[in-house]
Protein backbone atom coordinates (compact mmCIF):
# COMPACT_ATOMS: atom_id res chain seq x y z
CA MET A 1 8.30 70.29 4.57
CA PRO A 2 4.89 68.62 4.17
CA ARG A 3 2.03 69.61 6.40
CA ASN A 4 0.91 67.21 9.10
CA LEU A 5 -2.34 66.74 7.18
CA ASP A 6 -0.50 65.71 4.00
CA THR A 7 1.56 63.20 5.95
CA ILE A 8 -1.52 61.68 7.58
CA MET A 9 -3.36 61.49 4.23
CA SER A 10 -0.41 59.73 2.65
CA GLN A 11 -0.19 57.26 5.53
CA ILE A 12 -3.92 56.49 5.35
CA ASN A 13 -3.68 55.63 1.66
CA LYS A 14 -0.57 53.57 2.33
CA ASP A 15 -2.20 51.64 5.18
CA PHE A 16 -5.29 50.76 3.15
CA LYS A 17 -3.37 50.30 -0.14
CA ASP A 18 -5.84 52.50 -1.98
CA GLU A 19 -6.40 56.19 -2.62
CA ILE A 20 -9.35 56.55 -0.27
CA ILE A 21 -8.49 60.12 0.76
CA ARG A 22 -7.43 62.95 -1.54
CA LYS A 23 -7.66 66.68 -1.98
CA GLY A 24 -10.37 67.99 -4.28
CA THR A 25 -13.29 66.23 -5.91
CA VAL A 26 -13.15 64.00 -8.95
CA ARG A 27 -16.01 63.73 -11.42
CA ASP A 28 -17.30 60.16 -11.44
CA ASP A 29 -17.42 58.69 -14.94
CA TYR A 30 -19.24 55.43 -14.37
CA ASP A 31 -18.62 52.41 -16.54
CA ARG A 32 -22.09 51.34 -17.62
CA ILE A 33 -24.09 48.40 -18.89
CA PRO A 34 -26.13 49.66 -21.85
CA PHE A 35 -29.77 49.13 -22.70
CA SER A 36 -30.70 47.89 -26.17
CA SER A 37 -33.27 50.63 -26.67
CA PRO A 38 -31.67 53.99 -27.47
CA LEU A 39 -34.64 55.63 -25.73
CA LEU A 40 -33.63 54.03 -22.42
CA GLN A 41 -30.01 54.85 -23.18
CA TRP A 42 -31.01 58.48 -23.57
CA SER A 43 -33.07 58.64 -20.36
CA THR A 44 -30.27 57.14 -18.23
CA TYR A 45 -27.36 58.87 -20.02
CA GLY A 46 -26.00 55.56 -21.25
CA GLY A 47 -27.23 52.69 -19.07
CA ILE A 48 -26.91 51.45 -15.50
CA PRO A 49 -23.63 51.88 -13.56
CA LEU A 50 -21.23 49.16 -12.52
CA GLY A 51 -20.37 49.11 -8.84
CA LYS A 52 -23.80 50.44 -7.88
CA VAL A 53 -27.35 49.24 -7.14
CA THR A 54 -30.23 49.70 -9.57
CA GLU A 55 -33.86 48.97 -8.73
CA ILE A 56 -36.37 48.10 -11.44
CA CYS A 57 -39.87 48.22 -10.01
CA GLY A 58 -43.45 48.13 -11.28
CA SER A 59 -46.74 46.28 -11.22
CA GLU A 60 -47.29 42.82 -12.69
CA GLY A 61 -46.75 42.60 -16.44
CA GLY A 62 -45.12 46.03 -16.49
CA GLY A 63 -41.85 44.92 -18.09
CA LYS A 64 -39.57 44.67 -15.04
CA THR A 65 -38.03 41.29 -15.84
CA THR A 66 -37.85 42.08 -19.56
CA THR A 67 -35.88 45.25 -18.84
CA ALA A 68 -33.54 43.38 -16.49
CA LEU A 69 -32.96 40.54 -18.98
CA ASP A 70 -32.11 43.06 -21.68
CA LEU A 71 -29.39 44.38 -19.39
CA VAL A 72 -28.17 40.84 -18.67
CA GLY A 73 -27.75 40.11 -22.39
CA ASN A 74 -25.88 43.37 -22.99
CA ALA A 75 -23.74 42.83 -19.88
CA GLN A 76 -22.64 39.42 -21.17
CA LYS A 77 -21.55 40.99 -24.47
CA LYS A 78 -19.78 43.84 -22.69
CA PHE A 79 -17.89 41.57 -20.30
CA LYS A 80 -16.68 39.38 -23.17
CA ASN A 81 -15.53 42.41 -25.17
CA ASP A 82 -13.77 43.94 -22.15
CA TRP A 83 -12.04 40.62 -21.45
CA SER A 84 -10.92 40.19 -25.07
CA GLU A 85 -9.53 43.73 -25.17
CA LYS A 86 -7.62 43.20 -21.92
CA VAL A 87 -6.19 39.89 -23.16
CA ALA A 88 -5.07 41.56 -26.39
CA GLU A 89 -3.52 44.44 -24.43
CA LEU A 90 -1.53 42.16 -22.10
CA THR A 91 -0.49 39.94 -25.00
CA GLY A 92 0.88 42.97 -26.81
CA GLN A 93 2.75 44.12 -23.72
CA TYR A 94 4.23 40.66 -23.19
CA ASP A 95 5.40 40.35 -26.81
CA GLU A 96 7.14 43.74 -26.65
CA LEU A 97 8.90 42.87 -23.39
CA VAL A 98 10.08 39.52 -24.77
CA LEU A 99 11.58 41.28 -27.80
CA ALA A 100 13.40 43.66 -25.43
CA GLY A 101 15.44 40.72 -24.17
CA LYS A 102 16.94 39.93 -20.77
CA PRO A 103 16.68 43.46 -19.26
CA LYS A 104 12.88 43.16 -19.42
CA GLU A 105 12.67 39.45 -18.56
CA LYS A 106 11.39 39.97 -15.00
CA LEU A 107 8.72 42.40 -16.10
CA ALA A 108 7.74 40.08 -18.96
CA ASN A 109 7.22 37.21 -16.53
CA SER A 110 5.01 39.43 -14.35
CA VAL A 111 2.85 40.37 -17.34
CA LYS A 112 2.70 36.71 -18.39
CA GLU A 113 1.37 35.74 -14.95
CA LYS A 114 -1.37 38.37 -15.21
CA LEU A 115 -2.23 37.21 -18.73
CA ASP A 116 -2.41 33.54 -17.74
CA GLU A 117 -4.62 34.37 -14.74
CA LEU A 118 -6.93 36.48 -16.90
CA VAL A 119 -7.25 33.78 -19.55
CA GLU A 120 -7.93 31.12 -16.92
CA ARG A 121 -10.64 33.19 -15.18
CA GLY A 122 -12.35 34.22 -18.40
CA PRO A 123 -14.86 37.07 -18.75
CA LYS A 124 -16.98 38.20 -15.84
CA VAL A 125 -20.34 36.46 -15.61
CA CYS A 126 -23.94 37.38 -14.85
CA VAL A 127 -25.81 35.76 -11.96
CA TYR A 128 -29.60 35.61 -11.86
CA PHE A 129 -31.47 34.77 -8.65
CA ASP A 130 -34.83 33.49 -9.90
CA LEU A 131 -36.57 33.72 -6.55
CA GLU A 132 -40.02 33.50 -8.14
CA ASN A 133 -39.04 30.45 -10.24
CA THR A 134 -40.64 32.04 -13.32
CA LEU A 135 -37.73 32.81 -15.65
CA ASP A 136 -38.67 31.95 -19.25
CA GLU A 137 -35.59 30.64 -21.06
CA MET A 138 -36.99 31.20 -24.57
CA TRP A 139 -37.97 34.79 -23.78
CA ALA A 140 -34.54 35.42 -22.25
CA LYS A 141 -32.91 34.19 -25.47
CA LYS A 142 -35.10 36.52 -27.56
CA LEU A 143 -33.83 39.38 -25.43
CA GLY A 144 -30.23 38.46 -26.19
CA VAL A 145 -29.30 36.46 -23.08
CA ALA A 146 -26.75 33.68 -23.59
CA THR A 147 -28.58 31.32 -21.24
CA ASP A 148 -25.81 28.69 -21.34
CA ASP A 149 -23.41 31.22 -19.82
CA LEU A 150 -25.87 32.53 -17.22
CA ILE A 151 -25.40 31.47 -13.60
CA LEU A 152 -28.95 30.73 -12.44
CA LEU A 153 -29.96 30.24 -8.81
CA ARG A 154 -33.43 29.02 -7.81
CA PRO A 155 -33.54 28.82 -4.01
CA THR A 156 -36.16 26.50 -2.53
CA THR A 157 -36.20 26.34 1.26
CA GLN A 158 -33.42 28.88 1.84
CA THR A 159 -34.19 31.89 4.01
CA GLY A 160 -33.72 35.48 2.93
CA GLU A 161 -30.56 35.72 5.03
CA GLN A 162 -29.08 32.67 3.31
CA VAL A 163 -29.97 33.94 -0.16
CA LEU A 164 -28.45 37.37 0.42
CA GLN A 165 -25.31 35.85 1.93
CA MET A 166 -24.96 33.81 -1.27
CA ALA A 167 -25.23 37.06 -3.23
CA ILE A 168 -22.49 38.70 -1.14
CA ASP A 169 -20.20 35.67 -1.49
CA LEU A 170 -20.67 35.55 -5.27
CA VAL A 171 -19.91 39.26 -5.66
CA ASN A 172 -16.81 38.89 -3.47
CA SER A 173 -15.50 36.19 -5.82
CA GLY A 174 -14.52 39.00 -8.18
CA ASP A 175 -15.81 37.01 -11.16
CA VAL A 176 -19.37 38.42 -11.21
CA GLY A 177 -20.09 41.60 -13.16
CA LEU A 178 -23.88 41.70 -12.77
CA LEU A 179 -26.16 40.10 -10.19
CA VAL A 180 -29.97 40.21 -10.43
CA LEU A 181 -32.39 39.55 -7.55
CA ASP A 182 -35.84 38.71 -8.95
CA SER A 183 -37.67 39.68 -6.90
CA LEU A 184 -37.09 41.29 -3.49
CA PRO A 185 -40.51 40.52 -1.92
CA MET A 186 -39.75 36.80 -2.32
CA LEU A 187 -36.97 37.05 0.28
CA VAL A 188 -38.35 35.43 3.44
CA PRO A 189 -36.52 36.34 6.67
CA GLN A 190 -35.69 33.52 9.09
CA GLN A 191 -38.11 34.91 11.68
CA ILE A 192 -41.04 34.80 9.28
CA PHE A 193 -39.85 31.51 7.80
CA ASP A 194 -40.15 29.86 11.21
CA ASP A 195 -43.52 31.41 12.14
CA THR A 196 -46.95 30.23 11.16
CA LEU A 197 -49.30 32.38 9.11
CA GLU A 198 -51.20 33.16 12.31
CA LYS A 199 -48.27 35.12 13.75
CA LYS A 200 -47.26 38.60 12.63
CA SER A 201 -43.59 39.53 12.43
CA MET A 202 -42.35 43.11 12.62
CA GLY A 203 -40.00 44.55 10.05
CA GLY A 204 -40.44 42.02 7.24
CA ILE A 205 -37.74 42.30 4.59
CA ALA A 206 -36.97 45.93 5.53
CA LYS A 207 -34.54 44.97 8.31
CA LEU A 208 -33.13 42.17 6.19
CA LEU A 209 -32.37 44.54 3.31
CA ALA A 210 -31.03 47.19 5.68
CA ASP A 211 -28.37 44.76 6.90
CA PHE A 212 -27.71 43.58 3.35
CA SER A 213 -27.33 47.16 2.08
CA SER A 214 -24.52 47.98 4.49
CA ARG A 215 -22.60 44.82 3.56
CA ILE A 216 -23.11 44.68 -0.20
CA THR A 217 -22.11 48.30 -0.92
CA PRO A 218 -18.32 47.91 -0.41
CA ALA A 219 -18.36 44.51 -2.17
CA LEU A 220 -19.95 46.03 -5.29
CA THR A 221 -17.47 48.91 -5.32
CA VAL A 222 -14.35 46.80 -4.85
CA ASN A 223 -15.39 44.20 -7.44
CA ASN A 224 -16.96 46.68 -9.90
CA CYS A 225 -20.18 44.65 -9.96
CA ALA A 226 -23.67 45.94 -10.70
CA LEU A 227 -26.66 44.76 -8.67
CA ILE A 228 -30.22 44.88 -9.99
CA GLY A 229 -33.05 44.41 -7.51
CA ILE A 230 -36.43 43.78 -9.12
CA ASN A 231 -39.21 45.05 -6.90
CA GLN A 232 -42.98 45.12 -6.92
CA VAL A 233 -45.32 48.07 -6.54
CA ARG A 234 -47.97 47.84 -3.83
CA GLU A 235 -50.90 50.03 -2.87
CA ASN A 236 -49.98 52.26 0.05
CA VAL A 237 -52.88 51.12 2.23
CA GLY A 238 -53.70 53.42 5.13
CA SER A 239 -51.88 56.45 3.75
CA MET A 240 -54.39 59.24 3.16
CA TYR A 241 -51.87 61.94 2.27
CA GLY A 242 -48.80 60.09 1.03
CA PRO A 243 -48.17 58.54 -2.39
CA PRO A 244 -50.80 55.99 -3.49
CA GLU A 245 -48.13 53.37 -4.25
CA THR A 246 -45.05 52.09 -2.48
CA THR A 247 -42.41 49.37 -2.86
CA PRO A 248 -41.38 46.76 -0.26
CA GLY A 249 -37.93 46.83 1.29
CA GLY A 250 -37.90 49.83 3.57
CA ARG A 251 -35.98 53.08 3.36
CA SER A 252 -32.45 51.68 3.62
CA TRP A 253 -32.86 49.85 0.34
CA LYS A 254 -34.20 52.97 -1.39
CA HIS A 255 -31.27 55.01 -0.08
CA LEU A 256 -28.83 52.35 -1.31
CA CYS A 257 -30.12 52.50 -4.88
CA SER A 258 -28.20 54.84 -7.17
CA LEU A 259 -30.85 54.42 -9.86
CA ARG A 260 -34.53 53.48 -9.56
CA ILE A 261 -36.58 52.79 -12.68
CA LYS A 262 -40.33 52.21 -12.64
CA CYS A 263 -41.87 50.17 -15.47
CA GLN A 264 -45.49 50.16 -16.58
CA LYS A 265 -47.24 48.41 -19.45
CA GLY A 266 -48.24 50.90 -22.15
CA ASP A 267 -50.33 50.77 -25.32
CA LEU A 268 -50.74 47.54 -27.26
CA LEU A 269 -49.18 47.43 -30.73
CA ASP A 270 -49.75 45.64 -34.03
CA SER A 271 -47.01 44.18 -36.25
CA LYS A 272 -46.24 47.67 -37.64
CA ASN A 273 -45.95 49.16 -34.15
CA LEU A 274 -49.20 51.05 -34.51
CA ARG A 275 -51.38 51.47 -31.42
CA VAL A 276 -54.37 49.12 -31.17
CA PRO A 277 -57.27 48.99 -28.66
CA ASN A 278 -56.72 47.22 -25.33
CA SER A 279 -59.46 44.80 -26.35
CA THR A 280 -57.30 43.43 -29.21
CA GLN A 281 -57.05 39.65 -28.89
CA CYS A 282 -53.62 39.03 -30.44
CA PRO A 283 -51.40 42.13 -30.27
CA ALA A 284 -47.88 41.93 -31.66
CA GLY A 285 -46.37 43.81 -28.76
CA ASN A 286 -46.73 46.74 -26.40
CA MET A 287 -44.97 49.86 -25.24
CA VAL A 288 -43.11 49.71 -21.94
CA ASN A 289 -43.29 53.06 -20.16
CA THR A 290 -40.39 53.78 -17.82
CA THR A 291 -39.96 56.53 -15.24
CA ILE A 292 -36.71 57.50 -13.54
CA VAL A 293 -37.83 57.60 -9.90
CA LYS A 294 -34.35 58.36 -8.53
CA THR A 295 -30.91 58.91 -10.00
CA LYS A 296 -27.55 59.70 -8.41
CA ILE A 297 -25.52 58.82 -11.51
CA CYS A 298 -26.67 61.51 -13.92
CA SER A 299 -28.77 64.64 -14.24
CA PRO A 300 -32.43 64.03 -13.26
CA ASN A 301 -33.74 66.09 -16.18
CA ARG A 302 -34.72 63.08 -18.29
CA LYS A 303 -37.65 61.62 -16.39
CA GLY A 304 -38.08 58.52 -18.48
CA ALA A 305 -38.91 57.04 -21.86
CA SER A 306 -41.09 54.41 -23.51
CA TYR A 307 -39.54 51.57 -25.47
CA THR A 308 -41.07 49.24 -28.03
CA LEU A 309 -41.51 45.56 -27.19
CA ASN A 310 -42.35 42.97 -29.85
CA TYR A 311 -43.44 39.55 -28.59
CA GLU A 312 -41.63 37.74 -31.41
CA LYS A 313 -38.43 39.80 -31.77
CA GLY A 314 -37.95 41.31 -28.33
CA ILE A 315 -37.05 45.00 -28.10
CA ASP A 316 -37.46 46.78 -31.44
CA VAL A 317 -34.18 48.70 -31.49
CA VAL A 318 -34.67 50.11 -34.99
CA TYR A 319 -38.11 51.56 -34.24
CA ASP A 320 -36.84 53.14 -31.03
CA THR A 321 -33.84 54.53 -32.89
CA LEU A 322 -36.22 56.16 -35.36
CA GLN A 323 -38.15 57.78 -32.51
CA LEU A 324 -34.98 59.27 -31.04
CA CYS A 325 -33.81 60.37 -34.50
CA LEU A 326 -36.94 62.52 -34.68
CA GLN A 327 -35.99 64.17 -31.40
CA TYR A 328 -32.47 65.01 -32.61
CA LYS A 329 -33.58 66.12 -36.12
CA LEU A 330 -31.81 63.26 -37.85
CA VAL A 331 -35.25 62.53 -39.26
CA THR A 332 -37.76 65.35 -39.73
CA GLY A 333 -41.44 65.52 -40.56
CA THR A 334 -44.86 64.51 -39.27
CA SER A 335 -46.58 62.60 -42.06
CA TRP A 336 -43.71 62.64 -44.57
CA TYR A 337 -40.37 61.76 -42.98
CA THR A 338 -37.08 63.08 -44.39
CA PHE A 339 -33.77 61.42 -43.52
CA ASN A 340 -30.92 63.84 -42.85
CA ASP A 341 -27.14 63.63 -42.86
CA PRO A 342 -25.88 63.12 -39.26
CA GLN A 343 -22.97 65.50 -39.89
CA THR A 344 -24.78 68.43 -41.51
CA LEU A 345 -28.47 67.63 -40.77
CA GLU A 346 -29.12 68.39 -44.45
CA PRO A 347 -31.54 66.07 -46.35
CA LEU A 348 -29.93 62.93 -47.75
CA GLU A 349 -30.35 62.05 -51.42
CA ASP A 350 -30.26 58.76 -53.32
CA GLU A 351 -27.99 58.07 -56.32
CA ASN A 352 -30.49 59.87 -58.58
CA GLY A 353 -30.46 63.03 -56.49
CA LYS A 354 -33.89 62.39 -54.99
CA VAL A 355 -34.40 63.34 -51.35
CA LEU A 356 -34.86 60.33 -49.07
CA LYS A 357 -38.41 61.04 -47.97
CA TYR A 358 -41.12 58.54 -47.03
CA GLN A 359 -44.79 58.86 -46.19
CA GLY A 360 -45.90 57.39 -42.88
CA MET A 361 -43.97 56.05 -39.93
CA SER A 362 -44.25 52.45 -41.19
CA ARG A 363 -42.50 53.20 -44.48
CA ALA A 364 -39.86 55.29 -42.75
CA TYR A 365 -39.24 52.40 -40.36
CA GLU A 366 -38.96 49.89 -43.20
CA PHE A 367 -36.44 52.12 -44.99
CA LEU A 368 -34.22 52.50 -41.90
CA LEU A 369 -34.47 48.74 -41.31
CA SER A 370 -33.15 48.14 -44.84
CA GLU A 371 -30.21 50.54 -44.49
CA PRO A 372 -27.82 49.08 -41.88
CA GLU A 373 -25.02 51.54 -42.70
CA LEU A 374 -27.27 54.57 -42.18
CA LEU A 375 -28.63 52.97 -39.00
CA GLU A 376 -25.05 52.52 -37.77
CA ASP A 377 -24.23 56.18 -38.51
CA TYR A 378 -27.34 57.35 -36.68
CA THR A 379 -26.55 55.08 -33.72
CA ALA A 380 -23.00 56.45 -33.47
CA TYR A 381 -24.36 60.01 -33.52
CA LEU A 382 -26.92 59.24 -30.82
CA ASN A 383 -24.35 57.43 -28.65
CA GLU A 384 -22.49 60.73 -28.32
CA LYS A 385 -25.68 62.64 -27.55
CA PHE A 386 -26.69 60.32 -24.70
CA LYS A 387 -24.01 61.82 -22.49
CA VAL A 388 -24.85 65.45 -23.28
CA ASN A 389 -26.95 67.34 -20.73
CA ASN A 390 -29.39 69.11 -23.03
């Protein structure tokens, strides 16, 4: 005879048509949207989670929008791949049931309905709220964003409440996989919207985001949608003993975030990714330094990483891969760089038996760039290491 507790637990799950109560804990294995840079992949254990909130903050020119757009481009690819795989899976199921004949006819029709609905809805989409009205289409394309498929909103006279309600409605559609708010300080509450500059309003966007946080959380979970909030860094004026910098939005927003990443502009680079002085007139790119301010989705032992940004190509994935290869001994050396087998970590040799060894980071980078198969092998090796707590 079941215990009273077991009966009540079963009834709760039946009433809400979901397993919301169970005995024991289950390890959360989040489905993630990946970064292009393997260095950011490493620091976040594989990307940002779906169904959760991620904040990307920093000062002006720090790389906040660039980092977010990189995720948008990768999310679009992921959603299309996931959709294609699901269509293929249902198609296979339907074909098997049809071959089974009349005994499976009812089940076949059910699968066909699911398949038709999936095909009609298409892949999940990305929504970008350009609250600052500064999104650069050409730069977004360089970062891999399919701009024709992007749902872009540029509110004009809408209040913060109206904008955030739009966000909630879009997530609840079930068709959105990633929604970006760029940026949070541009949300103007109705109270402030109606006041003149001479009047001071208490709370600002903190209360607005507190209300939003409580309402968006279940919507993201149910619809398996990721939310990115881009935030600014401000000087913490009047705080003598606290941190020198803070971000707008209040504490509720910070508590809501499962992952918070701070971006800062790093060293300037030339065309070979070598550091150049800050006085350089025409640099080819710069490093983007990231810090994991908060994480509830993985171990906090990887505090951040720096990725390579080229103004013509976007994120230099190959150069960043080379940097991570050095960390995992796939490539060894300081001035001369030896390329090793990802299975044995023994030095690789060319067809003449000569060890693959190159002087200088630039030559090593050029070699890896010219060897797509080796790059693919290294990437596969690193993809497994991202998830390992080392």
